PDB file of N, CA and C in Angstrom:
ATOM      1  N   UNK A   1      18.350  13.483 -16.547  1.00  0.00           N
ATOM      2  CA  UNK A   1      17.021  13.152 -16.117  1.00  0.00           C
ATOM      3  C   UNK A   1      16.465  14.556 -15.976  1.00  0.00           C
ATOM      4  N   UNK A   2      15.419  14.798 -16.781  1.00  0.00           N
ATOM      5  CA  UNK A   2      14.805  16.058 -16.776  1.00  0.00           C
ATOM      6  C   UNK A   2      13.330  16.073 -16.097  1.00  0.00           C
ATOM      7  N   UNK A   3      13.087  17.196 -15.473  1.00  0.00           N
ATOM      8  CA  UNK A   3      11.744  17.415 -14.986  1.00  0.00           C
ATOM      9  C   UNK A   3      11.344  16.419 -13.860  1.00  0.00           C
ATOM     10  N   UNK A   4      12.145  16.320 -12.850  1.00  0.00           N
ATOM     11  CA  UNK A   4      11.854  15.472 -11.704  1.00  0.00           C
ATOM     12  C   UNK A   4      12.714  15.687 -10.520  1.00  0.00           C
ATOM     13  N   UNK A   5      12.314  15.109  -9.373  1.00  0.00           N
ATOM     14  CA  UNK A   5      13.069  15.357  -8.130  1.00  0.00           C
ATOM     15  C   UNK A   5      13.260  13.941  -7.531  1.00  0.00           C
ATOM     16  N   UNK A   6      14.474  13.558  -7.212  1.00  0.00           N
ATOM     17  CA  UNK A   6      14.879  12.316  -6.540  1.00  0.00           C
ATOM     18  C   UNK A   6      15.302  12.580  -5.205  1.00  0.00           C
ATOM     19  N   UNK A   7      14.796  11.881  -4.176  1.00  0.00           N
ATOM     20  CA  UNK A   7      15.085  12.076  -2.730  1.00  0.00           C
ATOM     21  C   UNK A   7      15.356  10.755  -2.054  1.00  0.00           C
ATOM     22  N   UNK A   8      16.114  10.864  -0.902  1.00  0.00           N
ATOM     23  CA  UNK A   8      16.332   9.649  -0.117  1.00  0.00           C
ATOM     24  C   UNK A   8      16.105  10.065   1.318  1.00  0.00           C
ATOM     25  N   UNK A   9      15.485   9.121   2.131  1.00  0.00           N
ATOM     26  CA  UNK A   9      15.189   9.358   3.521  1.00  0.00           C
ATOM     27  C   UNK A   9      15.626   8.147   4.364  1.00  0.00           C
ATOM     28  N   UNK A  10      16.437   8.399   5.372  1.00  0.00           N
ATOM     29  CA  UNK A  10      16.876   7.417   6.320  1.00  0.00           C
ATOM     30  C   UNK A  10      16.079   7.388   7.565  1.00  0.00           C
ATOM     31  N   UNK A  11      15.357   6.426   7.806  1.00  0.00           N
ATOM     32  CA  UNK A  11      14.477   6.342   9.006  1.00  0.00           C
ATOM     33  C   UNK A  11      14.955   5.550  10.088  1.00  0.00           C
ATOM     34  N   UNK A  12      14.893   5.950  11.347  1.00  0.00           N
ATOM     35  CA  UNK A  12      15.394   5.315  12.448  1.00  0.00           C
ATOM     36  C   UNK A  12      14.472   4.313  13.186  1.00  0.00           C
ATOM     37  N   UNK A  13      13.168   4.649  13.020  1.00  0.00           N
ATOM     38  CA  UNK A  13      12.055   3.655  13.695  1.00  0.00           C
ATOM     39  C   UNK A  13      10.965   3.561  12.704  1.00  0.00           C
ATOM     40  N   UNK A  14      10.792   2.416  12.040  1.00  0.00           N
ATOM     41  CA  UNK A  14      11.742   1.363  11.983  1.00  0.00           C
ATOM     42  C   UNK A  14      12.896   1.723  11.045  1.00  0.00           C
ATOM     43  N   UNK A  15      13.938   0.996  11.166  1.00  0.00           N
ATOM     44  CA  UNK A  15      15.076   1.302  10.343  1.00  0.00           C
ATOM     45  C   UNK A  15      14.809   0.975   8.844  1.00  0.00           C
ATOM     46  N   UNK A  16      14.838   1.987   8.017  1.00  0.00           N
ATOM     47  CA  UNK A  16      14.531   1.780   6.660  1.00  0.00           C
ATOM     48  C   UNK A  16      15.057   2.889   5.787  1.00  0.00           C
ATOM     49  N   UNK A  17      15.104   2.547   4.416  1.00  0.00           N
ATOM     50  CA  UNK A  17      15.570   3.637   3.512  1.00  0.00           C
ATOM     51  C   UNK A  17      14.380   3.764   2.550  1.00  0.00           C
ATOM     52  N   UNK A  18      13.959   4.993   2.373  1.00  0.00           N
ATOM     53  CA  UNK A  18      12.925   5.361   1.462  1.00  0.00           C
ATOM     54  C   UNK A  18      13.582   6.139   0.318  1.00  0.00           C
ATOM     55  N   UNK A  19      13.324   5.718  -0.950  1.00  0.00           N
ATOM     56  CA  UNK A  19      13.804   6.471  -2.093  1.00  0.00           C
ATOM     57  C   UNK A  19      12.545   6.871  -2.841  1.00  0.00           C
ATOM     58  N   UNK A  20      12.334   8.166  -3.220  1.00  0.00           N
ATOM     59  CA  UNK A  20      11.180   8.651  -3.976  1.00  0.00           C
ATOM     60  C   UNK A  20      11.537   9.636  -5.063  1.00  0.00           C
ATOM     61  N   UNK A  21      10.735   9.528  -6.072  1.00  0.00           N
ATOM     62  CA  UNK A  21      10.853  10.347  -7.237  1.00  0.00           C
ATOM     63  C   UNK A  21       9.644  10.861  -7.673  1.00  0.00           C
ATOM     64  N   UNK A  22       9.589  12.314  -7.786  1.00  0.00           N
ATOM     65  CA  UNK A  22       8.426  12.996  -8.258  1.00  0.00           C
ATOM     66  C   UNK A  22       8.586  13.453  -9.601  1.00  0.00           C
ATOM     67  N   UNK A  23       7.725  13.022 -10.553  1.00  0.00           N
ATOM     68  CA  UNK A  23       7.895  13.469 -12.022  1.00  0.00           C
ATOM     69  C   UNK A  23       7.108  14.777 -12.152  1.00  0.00           C
ATOM     70  N   UNK A  24       7.885  15.862 -12.674  1.00  0.00           N
ATOM     71  CA  UNK A  24       7.309  17.118 -12.915  1.00  0.00           C
ATOM     72  C   UNK A  24       7.259  17.641 -14.243  1.00  0.00           C
ATOM     73  N   UNK A  25       6.731  16.823 -15.150  1.00  0.00           N
ATOM     74  CA  UNK A  25       6.619  17.288 -16.515  1.00  0.00           C
ATOM     75  C   UNK A  25       7.322  16.271 -17.491  1.00  0.00           C
ATOM     76  N   UNK A  26       7.140  16.518 -18.728  1.00  0.00           N
ATOM     77  CA  UNK A  26       7.784  15.625 -19.712  1.00  0.00           C
ATOM     78  C   UNK A  26       6.949  14.382 -19.970  1.00  0.00           C
ATOM     79  N   UNK A  27       7.501  13.519 -20.838  1.00  0.00           N
ATOM     80  CA  UNK A  27       6.837  12.340 -21.164  1.00  0.00           C
ATOM     81  C   UNK A  27       7.122  11.194 -20.070  1.00  0.00           C
ATOM     82  N   UNK A  28       6.374  10.117 -20.166  1.00  0.00           N
ATOM     83  CA  UNK A  28       6.480   9.004 -19.257  1.00  0.00           C
ATOM     84  C   UNK A  28       7.919   8.420 -19.373  1.00  0.00           C
ATOM     85  N   UNK A  29       8.397   7.895 -18.169  1.00  0.00           N
ATOM     86  CA  UNK A  29       9.708   7.140 -18.196  1.00  0.00           C
ATOM     87  C   UNK A  29       9.476   5.837 -17.569  1.00  0.00           C
ATOM     88  N   UNK A  30      10.307   4.924 -17.963  1.00  0.00           N
ATOM     89  CA  UNK A  30      10.395   3.472 -17.299  1.00  0.00           C
ATOM     90  C   UNK A  30      11.631   3.565 -16.323  1.00  0.00           C
ATOM     91  N   UNK A  31      11.490   3.285 -15.163  1.00  0.00           N
ATOM     92  CA  UNK A  31      12.579   3.443 -14.211  1.00  0.00           C
ATOM     93  C   UNK A  31      12.598   2.507 -13.146  1.00  0.00           C
ATOM     94  N   UNK A  32      13.741   2.263 -12.450  1.00  0.00           N
ATOM     95  CA  UNK A  32      13.866   1.512 -11.250  1.00  0.00           C
ATOM     96  C   UNK A  32      14.444   2.465 -10.165  1.00  0.00           C
ATOM     97  N   UNK A  33      13.852   2.462  -8.966  1.00  0.00           N
ATOM     98  CA  UNK A  33      14.376   3.121  -7.857  1.00  0.00           C
ATOM     99  C   UNK A  33      15.307   2.171  -7.041  1.00  0.00           C
ATOM    100  N   UNK A  34      16.391   2.763  -6.532  1.00  0.00           N
ATOM    101  CA  UNK A  34      17.194   1.941  -5.817  1.00  0.00           C
ATOM    102  C   UNK A  34      18.080   2.702  -4.773  1.00  0.00           C
ATOM    103  N   UNK A  35      19.049   1.995  -4.232  1.00  0.00           N
ATOM    104  CA  UNK A  35      20.034   2.661  -3.329  1.00  0.00           C
ATOM    105  C   UNK A  35      21.353   1.955  -3.393  1.00  0.00           C
ATOM    106  N   UNK A  36      22.411   2.660  -3.010  1.00  0.00           N
ATOM    107  CA  UNK A  36      23.732   2.114  -2.972  1.00  0.00           C
ATOM    108  C   UNK A  36      24.325   2.414  -1.559  1.00  0.00           C
ATOM    109  N   UNK A  37      24.783   1.364  -0.906  1.00  0.00           N
ATOM    110  CA  UNK A  37      25.475   1.383   0.377  1.00  0.00           C
ATOM    111  C   UNK A  37      26.638   0.488   0.448  1.00  0.00           C
ATOM    112  N   UNK A  38      27.720   0.962   0.955  1.00  0.00           N
ATOM    113  CA  UNK A  38      28.948   0.060   1.128  1.00  0.00           C
ATOM    114  C   UNK A  38      29.346  -0.658  -0.150  1.00  0.00           C
ATOM    115  N   UNK A  39      29.244   0.085  -1.295  1.00  0.00           N
ATOM    116  CA  UNK A  39      29.703  -0.489  -2.498  1.00  0.00           C
ATOM    117  C   UNK A  39      28.738  -1.402  -3.283  1.00  0.00           C
ATOM    118  N   UNK A  40      27.645  -1.798  -2.736  1.00  0.00           N
ATOM    119  CA  UNK A  40      26.679  -2.621  -3.439  1.00  0.00           C
ATOM    120  C   UNK A  40      25.354  -1.857  -3.557  1.00  0.00           C
ATOM    121  N   UNK A  41      24.592  -2.194  -4.659  1.00  0.00           N
ATOM    122  CA  UNK A  41      23.451  -1.455  -5.035  1.00  0.00           C
ATOM    123  C   UNK A  41      22.169  -2.458  -4.997  1.00  0.00           C
ATOM    124  N   UNK A  42      21.112  -1.924  -4.660  1.00  0.00           N
ATOM    125  CA  UNK A  42      19.876  -2.753  -4.755  1.00  0.00           C
ATOM    126  C   UNK A  42      18.736  -1.870  -5.407  1.00  0.00           C
ATOM    127  N   UNK A  43      17.975  -2.594  -6.353  1.00  0.00           N
ATOM    128  CA  UNK A  43      17.007  -1.968  -7.144  1.00  0.00           C
ATOM    129  C   UNK A  43      15.662  -2.606  -6.892  1.00  0.00           C
ATOM    130  N   UNK A  44      14.570  -1.732  -7.007  1.00  0.00           N
ATOM    131  CA  UNK A  44      13.143  -2.252  -6.992  1.00  0.00           C
ATOM    132  C   UNK A  44      12.729  -2.607  -8.393  1.00  0.00           C
ATOM    133  N   UNK A  45      11.491  -2.928  -8.551  1.00  0.00           N
ATOM    134  CA  UNK A  45      10.928  -3.251  -9.850  1.00  0.00           C
ATOM    135  C   UNK A  45      10.862  -2.146 -10.812  1.00  0.00           C
ATOM    136  N   UNK A  46      10.854  -2.536 -12.114  1.00  0.00           N
ATOM    137  CA  UNK A  46      10.765  -1.497 -13.109  1.00  0.00           C
ATOM    138  C   UNK A  46       9.357  -1.056 -13.274  1.00  0.00           C
ATOM    139  N   UNK A  47       9.169   0.289 -13.354  1.00  0.00           N
ATOM    140  CA  UNK A  47       7.832   0.807 -13.395  1.00  0.00           C
ATOM    141  C   UNK A  47       7.771   2.039 -14.389  1.00  0.00           C
ATOM    142  N   UNK A  48       6.601   2.294 -14.745  1.00  0.00           N
ATOM    143  CA  UNK A  48       6.289   3.486 -15.502  1.00  0.00           C
ATOM    144  C   UNK A  48       5.939   4.593 -14.748  1.00  0.00           C
ATOM    145  N   UNK A  49       6.544   5.812 -14.900  1.00  0.00           N
ATOM    146  CA  UNK A  49       6.316   6.987 -14.058  1.00  0.00           C
ATOM    147  C   UNK A  49       5.822   8.020 -14.961  1.00  0.00           C
ATOM    148  N   UNK A  50       4.623   8.630 -14.771  1.00  0.00           N
ATOM    149  CA  UNK A  50       4.006   9.699 -15.590  1.00  0.00           C
ATOM    150  C   UNK A  50       4.140  11.071 -14.910  1.00  0.00           C
ATOM    151  N   UNK A  51       3.838  12.040 -15.604  1.00  0.00           N
ATOM    152  CA  UNK A  51       3.922  13.409 -15.114  1.00  0.00           C
ATOM    153  C   UNK A  51       2.925  13.494 -13.938  1.00  0.00           C
ATOM    154  N   UNK A  52       3.409  14.078 -12.858  1.00  0.00           N
ATOM    155  CA  UNK A  52       2.611  14.200 -11.554  1.00  0.00           C
ATOM    156  C   UNK A  52       2.585  13.036 -10.635  1.00  0.00           C
ATOM    157  N   UNK A  53       3.237  11.860 -11.133  1.00  0.00           N
ATOM    158  CA  UNK A  53       3.310  10.682 -10.229  1.00  0.00           C
ATOM    159  C   UNK A  53       4.469  10.850  -9.232  1.00  0.00           C
ATOM    160  N   UNK A  54       4.268  10.208  -8.168  1.00  0.00           N
ATOM    161  CA  UNK A  54       5.406  10.141  -7.178  1.00  0.00           C
ATOM    162  C   UNK A  54       5.557   8.571  -6.903  1.00  0.00           C
ATOM    163  N   UNK A  55       6.756   8.126  -7.270  1.00  0.00           N
ATOM    164  CA  UNK A  55       7.120   6.689  -7.108  1.00  0.00           C
ATOM    165  C   UNK A  55       7.924   6.581  -5.802  1.00  0.00           C
ATOM    166  N   UNK A  56       7.770   5.534  -5.029  1.00  0.00           N
ATOM    167  CA  UNK A  56       8.353   5.353  -3.719  1.00  0.00           C
ATOM    168  C   UNK A  56       8.749   3.857  -3.571  1.00  0.00           C
ATOM    169  N   UNK A  57       9.980   3.640  -3.131  1.00  0.00           N
ATOM    170  CA  UNK A  57      10.443   2.256  -2.777  1.00  0.00           C
ATOM    171  C   UNK A  57      11.155   2.349  -1.425  1.00  0.00           C
ATOM    172  N   UNK A  58      10.771   1.267  -0.628  1.00  0.00           N
ATOM    173  CA  UNK A  58      11.333   1.230   0.715  1.00  0.00           C
ATOM    174  C   UNK A  58      11.991  -0.091   0.972  1.00  0.00           C
ATOM    175  N   UNK A  59      13.190  -0.039   1.688  1.00  0.00           N
ATOM    176  CA  UNK A  59      13.905  -1.249   2.019  1.00  0.00           C
ATOM    177  C   UNK A  59      14.095  -1.097   3.627  1.00  0.00           C
ATOM    178  N   UNK A  60      13.701  -2.240   4.306  1.00  0.00           N
ATOM    179  CA  UNK A  60      13.857  -2.328   5.713  1.00  0.00           C
ATOM    180  C   UNK A  60      15.215  -3.023   6.039  1.00  0.00           C
ATOM    181  N   UNK A  61      15.912  -2.580   7.151  1.00  0.00           N
ATOM    182  CA  UNK A  61      17.211  -3.170   7.345  1.00  0.00           C
ATOM    183  C   UNK A  61      17.636  -2.814   8.848  1.00  0.00           C
ATOM    184  N   UNK A  62      18.603  -3.587   9.319  1.00  0.00           N
ATOM    185  CA  UNK A  62      19.205  -3.108  10.600  1.00  0.00           C
ATOM    186  C   UNK A  62      19.901  -1.864  10.463  1.00  0.00           C
ATOM    187  N   UNK A  63      20.240  -1.159  11.554  1.00  0.00           N
ATOM    188  CA  UNK A  63      20.791   0.160  11.551  1.00  0.00           C
ATOM    189  C   UNK A  63      22.200   0.046  11.268  1.00  0.00           C
ATOM    190  N   UNK A  64      22.680   0.110   9.971  1.00  0.00           N
ATOM    191  CA  UNK A  64      24.122  -0.123   9.725  1.00  0.00           C
ATOM    192  C   UNK A  64      25.027   1.046   9.919  1.00  0.00           C
ATOM    193  N   UNK A  65      24.492   2.266  10.129  1.00  0.00           N
ATOM    194  CA  UNK A  65      25.331   3.451  10.325  1.00  0.00           C
ATOM    195  C   UNK A  65      26.352   3.752   9.195  1.00  0.00           C
ATOM    196  N   UNK A  66      25.845   3.432   7.861  1.00  0.00           N
ATOM    197  CA  UNK A  66      26.730   3.705   6.759  1.00  0.00           C
ATOM    198  C   UNK A  66      25.952   4.739   5.868  1.00  0.00           C
ATOM    199  N   UNK A  67      26.735   5.433   5.082  1.00  0.00           N
ATOM    200  CA  UNK A  67      26.034   6.441   4.130  1.00  0.00           C
ATOM    201  C   UNK A  67      25.408   5.655   3.006  1.00  0.00           C
ATOM    202  N   UNK A  68      24.269   6.227   2.541  1.00  0.00           N
ATOM    203  CA  UNK A  68      23.574   5.589   1.357  1.00  0.00           C
ATOM    204  C   UNK A  68      23.282   6.640   0.365  1.00  0.00           C
ATOM    205  N   UNK A  69      23.167   6.282  -0.810  1.00  0.00           N
ATOM    206  CA  UNK A  69      22.834   7.143  -1.978  1.00  0.00           C
ATOM    207  C   UNK A  69      21.605   6.740  -2.592  1.00  0.00           C
ATOM    208  N   UNK A  70      20.530   7.458  -2.828  1.00  0.00           N
ATOM    209  CA  UNK A  70      19.398   7.123  -3.568  1.00  0.00           C
ATOM    210  C   UNK A  70      19.623   7.029  -5.090  1.00  0.00           C
ATOM    211  N   UNK A  71      19.120   6.091  -5.711  1.00  0.00           N
ATOM    212  CA  UNK A  71      19.335   5.865  -7.246  1.00  0.00           C
ATOM    213  C   UNK A  71      18.047   5.823  -8.040  1.00  0.00           C
ATOM    214  N   UNK A  72      18.147   6.256  -9.223  1.00  0.00           N
ATOM    215  CA  UNK A  72      17.046   6.006 -10.216  1.00  0.00           C
ATOM    216  C   UNK A  72      17.739   5.557 -11.494  1.00  0.00           C
ATOM    217  N   UNK A  73      17.354   4.499 -11.985  1.00  0.00           N
ATOM    218  CA  UNK A  73      17.913   3.965 -13.300  1.00  0.00           C
ATOM    219  C   UNK A  73      16.754   4.049 -14.327  1.00  0.00           C
ATOM    220  N   UNK A  74      17.027   5.032 -15.217  1.00  0.00           N
ATOM    221  CA  UNK A  74      15.961   5.406 -16.229  1.00  0.00           C
ATOM    222  C   UNK A  74      16.275   4.756 -17.527  1.00  0.00           C
ATOM    223  N   UNK A  75      15.407   3.930 -18.153  1.00  0.00           N
ATOM    224  CA  UNK A  75      15.690   3.267 -19.415  1.00  0.00           C
ATOM    225  C   UNK A  75      15.999   4.387 -20.422  1.00  0.00           C
ATOM    226  N   UNK A  76      17.149   4.159 -21.168  1.00  0.00           N
ATOM    227  CA  UNK A  76      17.493   4.989 -22.273  1.00  0.00           C
ATOM    228  C   UNK A  76      18.113   6.330 -21.760  1.00  0.00           C
ATOM    229  N   UNK A  77      18.314   6.592 -20.421  1.00  0.00           N
ATOM    230  CA  UNK A  77      18.947   7.788 -19.955  1.00  0.00           C
ATOM    231  C   UNK A  77      20.025   7.519 -18.990  1.00  0.00           C
ATOM    232  N   UNK A  78      20.161   6.375 -18.389  1.00  0.00           N
ATOM    233  CA  UNK A  78      21.255   6.184 -17.425  1.00  0.00           C
ATOM    234  C   UNK A  78      20.780   6.152 -15.975  1.00  0.00           C
ATOM    235  N   UNK A  79      21.667   6.206 -15.035  1.00  0.00           N
ATOM    236  CA  UNK A  79      21.429   6.206 -13.562  1.00  0.00           C
ATOM    237  C   UNK A  79      21.786   7.489 -13.048  1.00  0.00           C
ATOM    238  N   UNK A  80      20.849   8.052 -12.143  1.00  0.00           N
ATOM    239  CA  UNK A  80      21.080   9.300 -11.470  1.00  0.00           C
ATOM    240  C   UNK A  80      21.037   9.028  -9.921  1.00  0.00           C
ATOM    241  N   UNK A  81      21.621   9.925  -9.133  1.00  0.00           N
ATOM    242  CA  UNK A  81      21.680   9.694  -7.802  1.00  0.00           C
ATOM    243  C   UNK A  81      21.526  10.893  -6.837  1.00  0.00           C
ATOM    244  N   UNK A  82      21.184  10.707  -5.611  1.00  0.00           N
ATOM    245  CA  UNK A  82      21.048  11.800  -4.636  1.00  0.00           C
ATOM    246  C   UNK A  82      22.399  12.017  -4.035  1.00  0.00           C
ATOM    247  N   UNK A  83      22.520  13.158  -3.226  1.00  0.00           N
ATOM    248  CA  UNK A  83      23.646  13.253  -2.300  1.00  0.00           C
ATOM    249  C   UNK A  83      23.595  12.070  -1.235  1.00  0.00           C
ATOM    250  N   UNK A  84      24.624  11.794  -0.618  1.00  0.00           N
ATOM    251  CA  UNK A  84      24.656  10.715   0.374  1.00  0.00           C
ATOM    252  C   UNK A  84      23.892  11.168   1.631  1.00  0.00           C
ATOM    253  N   UNK A  85      23.286  10.170   2.334  1.00  0.00           N
ATOM    254  CA  UNK A  85      22.551  10.461   3.584  1.00  0.00           C
ATOM    255  C   UNK A  85      22.962   9.341   4.541  1.00  0.00           C
ATOM    256  N   UNK A  86      22.826   9.657   5.772  1.00  0.00           N
ATOM    257  CA  UNK A  86      23.083   8.715   6.871  1.00  0.00           C
ATOM    258  C   UNK A  86      21.854   8.517   7.777  1.00  0.00           C
ATOM    259  N   UNK A  87      21.771   7.422   8.544  1.00  0.00           N
ATOM    260  CA  UNK A  87      20.738   7.182   9.512  1.00  0.00           C
ATOM    261  C   UNK A  87      20.791   8.195  10.545  1.00  0.00           C
ATOM    262  N   UNK A  88      19.686   8.744  11.129  1.00  0.00           N
ATOM    263  CA  UNK A  88      19.651   9.637  12.254  1.00  0.00           C
ATOM    264  C   UNK A  88      20.412   8.994  13.483  1.00  0.00           C
ATOM    265  N   UNK A  89      21.268   9.738  14.099  1.00  0.00           N
ATOM    266  CA  UNK A  89      21.907   9.224  15.311  1.00  0.00           C
ATOM    267  C   UNK A  89      23.342   8.525  15.077  1.00  0.00           C
ATOM    268  N   UNK A  90      23.614   8.456  13.792  1.00  0.00           N
ATOM    269  CA  UNK A  90      24.948   7.807  13.474  1.00  0.00           C
ATOM    270  C   UNK A  90      26.072   8.869  13.469  1.00  0.00           C
TER     271      UNK A  90
END
């Protein structure tokens, strides 16, 4: 995945996971943001992301105190991930 930054944020109030990707050059991509926690993954809708765009997806949940990894599945390039993060206070 070239020319972009993928991040994950774990929020305690309300309990949610935000995954965001900032495109920093290159041609448009079609991608889905997602996360993996406890062995299962969830993805948001497929979207086109252009240079300079910031794509964000949010999932609300109870406070599971498990590690999660942010994901981006890019058509034709594969899936990329963030380092693991945990909810504050866990």
